[in-house]
Amino acid sequence: MALRITDECINCDVCEPECPNQAITLGQEIYEIDPDKCTECVGHFDEPQCVQLCPVSCIPVDPQHVESRETLWQKFQRLQAATKV
């Protein structure tokens, strides 16, 4: 599963620097999460850091990007291999 940021986002800038995969960027109006980079912090932390820090709880699971923990782990490994190239 990837996470997504809802329109309840207040652009507080807390989530973006905490994302270990650099999946969070500022969109036109609110922050956005790239589902191709989001591993819900699998491989880095026990819990998604953005969810833990969000003051308005606007980062739910994205139902359009449902992935198992194993799939998230595989994505983490791919992303790590790509950064070493």
PDB file of N, CA and C in Angstrom:
ATOM      1  N   MET A   1       0.840  -1.167   0.000  1.00  0.00           N
ATOM      2  CA  MET A   1       0.000   0.000   0.000  1.00  0.00           C
ATOM      3  C   MET A   1       0.886   1.230   0.000  1.00  0.00           C
ATOM      4  N   ALA A   2       0.479   2.163  -0.714  1.00  0.00           N
ATOM      5  CA  ALA A   2       1.117   3.469  -0.631  1.00  0.00           C
ATOM      6  C   ALA A   2       0.179   4.358   0.171  1.00  0.00           C
ATOM      7  N   LEU A   3       0.722   5.415   0.656  1.00  0.00           N
ATOM      8  CA  LEU A   3      -0.080   6.384   1.389  1.00  0.00           C
ATOM      9  C   LEU A   3      -0.426   7.530   0.466  1.00  0.00           C
ATOM     10  N   ARG A   4      -1.380   8.347   0.876  1.00  0.00           N
ATOM     11  CA  ARG A   4      -1.720   9.542   0.108  1.00  0.00           C
ATOM     12  C   ARG A   4      -2.025  10.664   1.080  1.00  0.00           C
ATOM     13  N   ILE A   5      -1.885  11.874   0.608  1.00  0.00           N
ATOM     14  CA  ILE A   5      -2.181  13.039   1.431  1.00  0.00           C
ATOM     15  C   ILE A   5      -3.491  13.630   0.938  1.00  0.00           C
ATOM     16  N   THR A   6      -4.419  13.830   1.857  1.00  0.00           N
ATOM     17  CA  THR A   6      -5.733  14.348   1.484  1.00  0.00           C
ATOM     18  C   THR A   6      -5.721  15.876   1.435  1.00  0.00           C
ATOM     19  N   ASP A   7      -6.809  16.422   0.963  1.00  0.00           N
ATOM     20  CA  ASP A   7      -6.904  17.885   0.852  1.00  0.00           C
ATOM     21  C   ASP A   7      -7.063  18.570   2.204  1.00  0.00           C
ATOM     22  N   GLU A   8      -7.039  17.806   3.289  1.00  0.00           N
ATOM     23  CA  GLU A   8      -7.034  18.392   4.627  1.00  0.00           C
ATOM     24  C   GLU A   8      -5.638  18.873   5.014  1.00  0.00           C
ATOM     25  N   CYS A   9      -4.649  18.587   4.155  1.00  0.00           N
ATOM     26  CA  CYS A   9      -3.256  18.982   4.393  1.00  0.00           C
ATOM     27  C   CYS A   9      -3.173  20.497   4.595  1.00  0.00           C
ATOM     28  N   ILE A  10      -2.402  20.907   5.610  1.00  0.00           N
ATOM     29  CA  ILE A  10      -2.238  22.337   5.897  1.00  0.00           C
ATOM     30  C   ILE A  10      -0.853  22.851   5.459  1.00  0.00           C
ATOM     31  N   ASN A  11      -0.138  22.032   4.683  1.00  0.00           N
ATOM     32  CA  ASN A  11       1.190  22.418   4.187  1.00  0.00           C
ATOM     33  C   ASN A  11       2.127  22.847   5.313  1.00  0.00           C
ATOM     34  N   CYS A  12       2.170  22.052   6.349  1.00  0.00           N
ATOM     35  CA  CYS A  12       2.991  22.405   7.507  1.00  0.00           C
ATOM     36  C   CYS A  12       4.468  22.072   7.296  1.00  0.00           C
ATOM     37  N   ASP A  13       4.796  21.366   6.240  1.00  0.00           N
ATOM     38  CA  ASP A  13       6.179  21.021   5.897  1.00  0.00           C
ATOM     39  C   ASP A  13       6.816  19.996   6.837  1.00  0.00           C
ATOM     40  N   VAL A  14       6.038  19.267   7.611  1.00  0.00           N
ATOM     41  CA  VAL A  14       6.596  18.299   8.545  1.00  0.00           C
ATOM     42  C   VAL A  14       6.906  16.971   7.851  1.00  0.00           C
ATOM     43  N   CYS A  15       6.073  16.539   6.947  1.00  0.00           N
ATOM     44  CA  CYS A  15       6.207  15.202   6.363  1.00  0.00           C
ATOM     45  C   CYS A  15       7.348  15.085   5.350  1.00  0.00           C
ATOM     46  N   GLU A  16       7.500  16.054   4.501  1.00  0.00           N
ATOM     47  CA  GLU A  16       8.445  15.957   3.383  1.00  0.00           C
ATOM     48  C   GLU A  16       9.875  15.631   3.803  1.00  0.00           C
ATOM     49  N   PRO A  17      10.461  16.340   4.764  1.00  0.00           N
ATOM     50  CA  PRO A  17      11.848  16.016   5.110  1.00  0.00           C
ATOM     51  C   PRO A  17      12.011  14.681   5.855  1.00  0.00           C
ATOM     52  N   GLU A  18      10.923  14.134   6.383  1.00  0.00           N
ATOM     53  CA  GLU A  18      10.997  12.887   7.144  1.00  0.00           C
ATOM     54  C   GLU A  18      10.886  11.640   6.273  1.00  0.00           C
ATOM     55  N   CYS A  19      10.515  11.798   5.019  1.00  0.00           N
ATOM     56  CA  CYS A  19      10.330  10.641   4.137  1.00  0.00           C
ATOM     57  C   CYS A  19      11.683  10.090   3.699  1.00  0.00           C
ATOM     58  N   PRO A  20      12.005   8.856   4.094  1.00  0.00           N
ATOM     59  CA  PRO A  20      13.309   8.302   3.750  1.00  0.00           C
ATOM     60  C   PRO A  20      13.463   7.963   2.269  1.00  0.00           C
ATOM     61  N   ASN A  21      12.357   7.873   1.549  1.00  0.00           N
ATOM     62  CA  ASN A  21      12.393   7.538   0.127  1.00  0.00           C
ATOM     63  C   ASN A  21      12.212   8.754  -0.779  1.00  0.00           C
ATOM     64  N   GLN A  22      12.102   9.919  -0.188  1.00  0.00           N
ATOM     65  CA  GLN A  22      11.865  11.150  -0.943  1.00  0.00           C
ATOM     66  C   GLN A  22      10.628  11.018  -1.838  1.00  0.00           C
ATOM     67  N   ALA A  23       9.603  10.374  -1.287  1.00  0.00           N
ATOM     68  CA  ALA A  23       8.357  10.163  -2.022  1.00  0.00           C
ATOM     69  C   ALA A  23       7.399  11.341  -1.893  1.00  0.00           C
ATOM     70  N   ILE A  24       7.653  12.236  -0.948  1.00  0.00           N
ATOM     71  CA  ILE A  24       6.746  13.352  -0.687  1.00  0.00           C
ATOM     72  C   ILE A  24       7.321  14.629  -1.289  1.00  0.00           C
ATOM     73  N   THR A  25       6.493  15.290  -2.081  1.00  0.00           N
ATOM     74  CA  THR A  25       6.891  16.564  -2.685  1.00  0.00           C
ATOM     75  C   THR A  25       5.728  17.543  -2.593  1.00  0.00           C
ATOM     76  N   LEU A  26       6.050  18.810  -2.695  1.00  0.00           N
ATOM     77  CA  LEU A  26       5.006  19.832  -2.677  1.00  0.00           C
ATOM     78  C   LEU A  26       4.363  19.889  -4.048  1.00  0.00           C
ATOM     79  N   GLY A  27       3.053  19.658  -4.080  1.00  0.00           N
ATOM     80  CA  GLY A  27       2.296  19.743  -5.324  1.00  0.00           C
ATOM     81  C   GLY A  27       1.849  21.173  -5.551  1.00  0.00           C
ATOM     82  N   GLN A  28       0.890  21.356  -6.435  1.00  0.00           N
ATOM     83  CA  GLN A  28       0.410  22.705  -6.726  1.00  0.00           C
ATOM     84  C   GLN A  28      -0.293  23.338  -5.538  1.00  0.00           C
ATOM     85  N   GLU A  29      -0.996  22.521  -4.753  1.00  0.00           N
ATOM     86  CA  GLU A  29      -1.732  23.082  -3.614  1.00  0.00           C
ATOM     87  C   GLU A  29      -1.329  22.463  -2.282  1.00  0.00           C
ATOM     88  N   ILE A  30      -1.083  21.155  -2.287  1.00  0.00           N
ATOM     89  CA  ILE A  30      -0.721  20.449  -1.053  1.00  0.00           C
ATOM     90  C   ILE A  30       0.419  19.483  -1.356  1.00  0.00           C
ATOM     91  N   TYR A  31       0.963  18.893  -0.311  1.00  0.00           N
ATOM     92  CA  TYR A  31       1.991  17.881  -0.506  1.00  0.00           C
ATOM     93  C   TYR A  31       1.375  16.638  -1.147  1.00  0.00           C
ATOM     94  N   GLU A  32       2.190  15.925  -1.909  1.00  0.00           N
ATOM     95  CA  GLU A  32       1.740  14.726  -2.603  1.00  0.00           C
ATOM     96  C   GLU A  32       2.737  13.601  -2.356  1.00  0.00           C
ATOM     97  N   ILE A  33       2.247  12.370  -2.428  1.00  0.00           N
ATOM     98  CA  ILE A  33       3.095  11.194  -2.250  1.00  0.00           C
ATOM     99  C   ILE A  33       3.141  10.420  -3.561  1.00  0.00           C
ATOM    100  N   ASP A  34       4.346  10.139  -4.030  1.00  0.00           N
ATOM    101  CA  ASP A  34       4.548   9.342  -5.232  1.00  0.00           C
ATOM    102  C   ASP A  34       4.406   7.869  -4.842  1.00  0.00           C
ATOM    103  N   PRO A  35       3.352   7.186  -5.314  1.00  0.00           N
ATOM    104  CA  PRO A  35       3.145   5.793  -4.915  1.00  0.00           C
ATOM    105  C   PRO A  35       4.255   4.855  -5.395  1.00  0.00           C
ATOM    106  N   ASP A  36       5.007   5.259  -6.403  1.00  0.00           N
ATOM    107  CA  ASP A  36       6.109   4.430  -6.879  1.00  0.00           C
ATOM    108  C   ASP A  36       7.308   4.476  -5.938  1.00  0.00           C
ATOM    109  N   LYS A  37       7.342   5.462  -5.053  1.00  0.00           N
ATOM    110  CA  LYS A  37       8.442   5.593  -4.099  1.00  0.00           C
ATOM    111  C   LYS A  37       8.024   5.302  -2.660  1.00  0.00           C
ATOM    112  N   CYS A  38       6.734   5.321  -2.384  1.00  0.00           N
ATOM    113  CA  CYS A  38       6.258   5.127  -1.017  1.00  0.00           C
ATOM    114  C   CYS A  38       6.281   3.644  -0.637  1.00  0.00           C
ATOM    115  N   THR A  39       7.010   3.350   0.428  1.00  0.00           N
ATOM    116  CA  THR A  39       7.044   1.985   0.974  1.00  0.00           C
ATOM    117  C   THR A  39       6.423   1.942   2.365  1.00  0.00           C
ATOM    118  N   GLU A  40       5.733   3.003   2.741  1.00  0.00           N
ATOM    119  CA  GLU A  40       5.193   3.143   4.099  1.00  0.00           C
ATOM    120  C   GLU A  40       6.313   2.978   5.121  1.00  0.00           C
ATOM    121  N   CYS A  41       7.499   3.366   4.739  1.00  0.00           N
ATOM    122  CA  CYS A  41       8.716   3.314   5.554  1.00  0.00           C
ATOM    123  C   CYS A  41       9.218   1.898   5.820  1.00  0.00           C
ATOM    124  N   VAL A  42       8.644   0.892   5.135  1.00  0.00           N
ATOM    125  CA  VAL A  42       9.159  -0.469   5.248  1.00  0.00           C
ATOM    126  C   VAL A  42      10.625  -0.445   4.825  1.00  0.00           C
ATOM    127  N   GLY A  43      11.466  -1.067   5.633  1.00  0.00           N
ATOM    128  CA  GLY A  43      12.892  -1.080   5.375  1.00  0.00           C
ATOM    129  C   GLY A  43      13.644   0.020   6.109  1.00  0.00           C
ATOM    130  N   HIS A  44      12.907   1.008   6.574  1.00  0.00           N
ATOM    131  CA  HIS A  44      13.516   2.125   7.297  1.00  0.00           C
ATOM    132  C   HIS A  44      13.034   2.213   8.747  1.00  0.00           C
ATOM    133  N   PHE A  45      11.719   2.164   8.915  1.00  0.00           N
ATOM    134  CA  PHE A  45      11.106   2.341  10.231  1.00  0.00           C
ATOM    135  C   PHE A  45       9.962   1.351  10.414  1.00  0.00           C
ATOM    136  N   ASP A  46       9.511   1.180  11.645  1.00  0.00           N
ATOM    137  CA  ASP A  46       8.385   0.285  11.935  1.00  0.00           C
ATOM    138  C   ASP A  46       7.052   0.896  11.533  1.00  0.00           C
ATOM    139  N   GLU A  47       6.970   2.218  11.541  1.00  0.00           N
ATOM    140  CA  GLU A  47       5.730   2.933  11.216  1.00  0.00           C
ATOM    141  C   GLU A  47       6.035   4.026  10.201  1.00  0.00           C
ATOM    142  N   PRO A  48       5.065   4.369   9.350  1.00  0.00           N
ATOM    143  CA  PRO A  48       5.273   5.471   8.415  1.00  0.00           C
ATOM    144  C   PRO A  48       5.524   6.775   9.180  1.00  0.00           C
ATOM    145  N   GLN A  49       6.642   7.390   8.926  1.00  0.00           N
ATOM    146  CA  GLN A  49       7.024   8.595   9.647  1.00  0.00           C
ATOM    147  C   GLN A  49       6.091   9.759   9.366  1.00  0.00           C
ATOM    148  N   CYS A  50       5.641   9.898   8.141  1.00  0.00           N
ATOM    149  CA  CYS A  50       4.741  11.015   7.811  1.00  0.00           C
ATOM    150  C   CYS A  50       3.440  10.916   8.604  1.00  0.00           C
ATOM    151  N   VAL A  51       2.919   9.704   8.729  1.00  0.00           N
ATOM    152  CA  VAL A  51       1.675   9.493   9.481  1.00  0.00           C
ATOM    153  C   VAL A  51       1.900   9.827  10.955  1.00  0.00           C
ATOM    154  N   GLN A  52       3.030   9.396  11.492  1.00  0.00           N
ATOM    155  CA  GLN A  52       3.339   9.641  12.894  1.00  0.00           C
ATOM    156  C   GLN A  52       3.442  11.128  13.217  1.00  0.00           C
ATOM    157  N   LEU A  53       3.948  11.919  12.270  1.00  0.00           N
ATOM    158  CA  LEU A  53       4.213  13.334  12.527  1.00  0.00           C
ATOM    159  C   LEU A  53       3.116  14.294  12.077  1.00  0.00           C
ATOM    160  N   CYS A  54       2.233  13.850  11.230  1.00  0.00           N
ATOM    161  CA  CYS A  54       1.208  14.740  10.672  1.00  0.00           C
ATOM    162  C   CYS A  54       0.284  15.285  11.772  1.00  0.00           C
ATOM    163  N   PRO A  55       0.234  16.611  11.916  1.00  0.00           N
ATOM    164  CA  PRO A  55      -0.590  17.187  12.983  1.00  0.00           C
ATOM    165  C   PRO A  55      -2.089  17.167  12.699  1.00  0.00           C
ATOM    166  N   VAL A  56      -2.483  16.919  11.460  1.00  0.00           N
ATOM    167  CA  VAL A  56      -3.916  16.919  11.136  1.00  0.00           C
ATOM    168  C   VAL A  56      -4.410  15.555  10.662  1.00  0.00           C
ATOM    169  N   SER A  57      -3.577  14.535  10.756  1.00  0.00           N
ATOM    170  CA  SER A  57      -3.961  13.158  10.395  1.00  0.00           C
ATOM    171  C   SER A  57      -4.599  13.076   9.010  1.00  0.00           C
ATOM    172  N   CYS A  58      -3.881  13.607   8.017  1.00  0.00           N
ATOM    173  CA  CYS A  58      -4.435  13.629   6.660  1.00  0.00           C
ATOM    174  C   CYS A  58      -3.693  12.693   5.713  1.00  0.00           C
ATOM    175  N   ILE A  59      -3.063  11.619   6.261  1.00  0.00           N
ATOM    176  CA  ILE A  59      -2.289  10.709   5.419  1.00  0.00           C
ATOM    177  C   ILE A  59      -2.782   9.272   5.613  1.00  0.00           C
ATOM    178  N   PRO A  60      -3.862   8.902   4.923  1.00  0.00           N
ATOM    179  CA  PRO A  60      -4.363   7.535   5.005  1.00  0.00           C
ATOM    180  C   PRO A  60      -3.713   6.635   3.949  1.00  0.00           C
ATOM    181  N   VAL A  61      -4.039   5.363   4.019  1.00  0.00           N
ATOM    182  CA  VAL A  61      -3.630   4.413   2.983  1.00  0.00           C
ATOM    183  C   VAL A  61      -4.386   4.766   1.710  1.00  0.00           C
ATOM    184  N   ASP A  62      -3.701   4.699   0.586  1.00  0.00           N
ATOM    185  CA  ASP A  62      -4.315   4.984  -0.713  1.00  0.00           C
ATOM    186  C   ASP A  62      -4.961   3.701  -1.234  1.00  0.00           C
ATOM    187  N   PRO A  63      -6.291   3.635  -1.291  1.00  0.00           N
ATOM    188  CA  PRO A  63      -6.954   2.408  -1.731  1.00  0.00           C
ATOM    189  C   PRO A  63      -6.672   2.055  -3.190  1.00  0.00           C
ATOM    190  N   GLN A  64      -6.149   2.995  -3.954  1.00  0.00           N
ATOM    191  CA  GLN A  64      -5.819   2.716  -5.354  1.00  0.00           C
ATOM    192  C   GLN A  64      -4.436   2.084  -5.501  1.00  0.00           C
ATOM    193  N   HIS A  65      -3.677   2.011  -4.415  1.00  0.00           N
ATOM    194  CA  HIS A  65      -2.329   1.443  -4.458  1.00  0.00           C
ATOM    195  C   HIS A  65      -2.128   0.467  -3.297  1.00  0.00           C
ATOM    196  N   VAL A  66      -2.910  -0.598  -3.301  1.00  0.00           N
ATOM    197  CA  VAL A  66      -2.845  -1.592  -2.245  1.00  0.00           C
ATOM    198  C   VAL A  66      -1.681  -2.545  -2.532  1.00  0.00           C
ATOM    199  N   GLU A  67      -0.775  -2.672  -1.569  1.00  0.00           N
ATOM    200  CA  GLU A  67       0.385  -3.544  -1.706  1.00  0.00           C
ATOM    201  C   GLU A  67       0.608  -4.297  -0.400  1.00  0.00           C
ATOM    202  N   SER A  68       1.084  -5.521  -0.518  1.00  0.00           N
ATOM    203  CA  SER A  68       1.397  -6.307   0.683  1.00  0.00           C
ATOM    204  C   SER A  68       2.705  -5.815   1.289  1.00  0.00           C
ATOM    205  N   ARG A  69       2.967  -6.233   2.496  1.00  0.00           N
ATOM    206  CA  ARG A  69       4.232  -5.870   3.152  1.00  0.00           C
ATOM    207  C   ARG A  69       5.416  -6.414   2.348  1.00  0.00           C
ATOM    208  N   GLU A  70       5.259  -7.596   1.780  1.00  0.00           N
ATOM    209  CA  GLU A  70       6.310  -8.189   0.945  1.00  0.00           C
ATOM    210  C   GLU A  70       6.557  -7.327  -0.303  1.00  0.00           C
ATOM    211  N   THR A  71       5.503  -6.849  -0.918  1.00  0.00           N
ATOM    212  CA  THR A  71       5.648  -5.981  -2.090  1.00  0.00           C
ATOM    213  C   THR A  71       6.328  -4.680  -1.705  1.00  0.00           C
ATOM    214  N   LEU A  72       5.976  -4.130  -0.551  1.00  0.00           N
ATOM    215  CA  LEU A  72       6.623  -2.905  -0.076  1.00  0.00           C
ATOM    216  C   LEU A  72       8.105  -3.149   0.189  1.00  0.00           C
ATOM    217  N   TRP A  73       8.440  -4.325   0.730  1.00  0.00           N
ATOM    218  CA  TRP A  73       9.841  -4.671   0.976  1.00  0.00           C
ATOM    219  C   TRP A  73      10.612  -4.759  -0.348  1.00  0.00           C
ATOM    220  N   GLN A  74       9.993  -5.373  -1.341  1.00  0.00           N
ATOM    221  CA  GLN A  74      10.626  -5.483  -2.657  1.00  0.00           C
ATOM    222  C   GLN A  74      10.825  -4.098  -3.279  1.00  0.00           C
ATOM    223  N   LYS A  75       9.853  -3.230  -3.108  1.00  0.00           N
ATOM    224  CA  LYS A  75       9.986  -1.862  -3.618  1.00  0.00           C
ATOM    225  C   LYS A  75      11.130  -1.143  -2.903  1.00  0.00           C
ATOM    226  N   PHE A  76      11.219  -1.314  -1.589  1.00  0.00           N
ATOM    227  CA  PHE A  76      12.314  -0.741  -0.813  1.00  0.00           C
ATOM    228  C   PHE A  76      13.659  -1.205  -1.375  1.00  0.00           C
ATOM    229  N   GLN A  77      13.797  -2.503  -1.624  1.00  0.00           N
ATOM    230  CA  GLN A  77      15.050  -3.038  -2.154  1.00  0.00           C
ATOM    231  C   GLN A  77      15.371  -2.463  -3.533  1.00  0.00           C
ATOM    232  N   ARG A  78      14.365  -2.327  -4.391  1.00  0.00           N
ATOM    233  CA  ARG A  78      14.566  -1.716  -5.720  1.00  0.00           C
ATOM    234  C   ARG A  78      15.023  -0.284  -5.604  1.00  0.00           C
ATOM    235  N   LEU A  79      14.374   0.466  -4.728  1.00  0.00           N
ATOM    236  CA  LEU A  79      14.741   1.877  -4.546  1.00  0.00           C
ATOM    237  C   LEU A  79      16.155   2.002  -4.004  1.00  0.00           C
ATOM    238  N   GLN A  80      16.538   1.136  -3.081  1.00  0.00           N
ATOM    239  CA  GLN A  80      17.883   1.170  -2.530  1.00  0.00           C
ATOM    240  C   GLN A  80      18.936   0.838  -3.594  1.00  0.00           C
ATOM    241  N   ALA A  81      18.635  -0.140  -4.429  1.00  0.00           N
ATOM    242  CA  ALA A  81      19.562  -0.519  -5.502  1.00  0.00           C
ATOM    243  C   ALA A  81      19.709   0.623  -6.507  1.00  0.00           C
ATOM    244  N   ALA A  82      18.616   1.317  -6.780  1.00  0.00           N
ATOM    245  CA  ALA A  82      18.657   2.432  -7.748  1.00  0.00           C
ATOM    246  C   ALA A  82      19.480   3.607  -7.220  1.00  0.00           C
ATOM    247  N   THR A  83      19.487   3.818  -5.912  1.00  0.00           N
ATOM    248  CA  THR A  83      20.246   4.938  -5.364  1.00  0.00           C
ATOM    249  C   THR A  83      21.738   4.630  -5.315  1.00  0.00           C
ATOM    250  N   LYS A  84      22.108   3.378  -5.413  1.00  0.00           N
ATOM    251  CA  LYS A  84      23.517   3.000  -5.383  1.00  0.00           C
ATOM    252  C   LYS A  84      24.168   3.036  -6.753  1.00  0.00           C
ATOM    253  N   VAL A  85      23.363   3.187  -7.785  1.00  0.00           N
ATOM    254  CA  VAL A  85      23.891   3.201  -9.155  1.00  0.00           C
ATOM    255  C   VAL A  85      24.557   4.517  -9.464  1.00  0.00           C
TER     256      VAL A  85
END
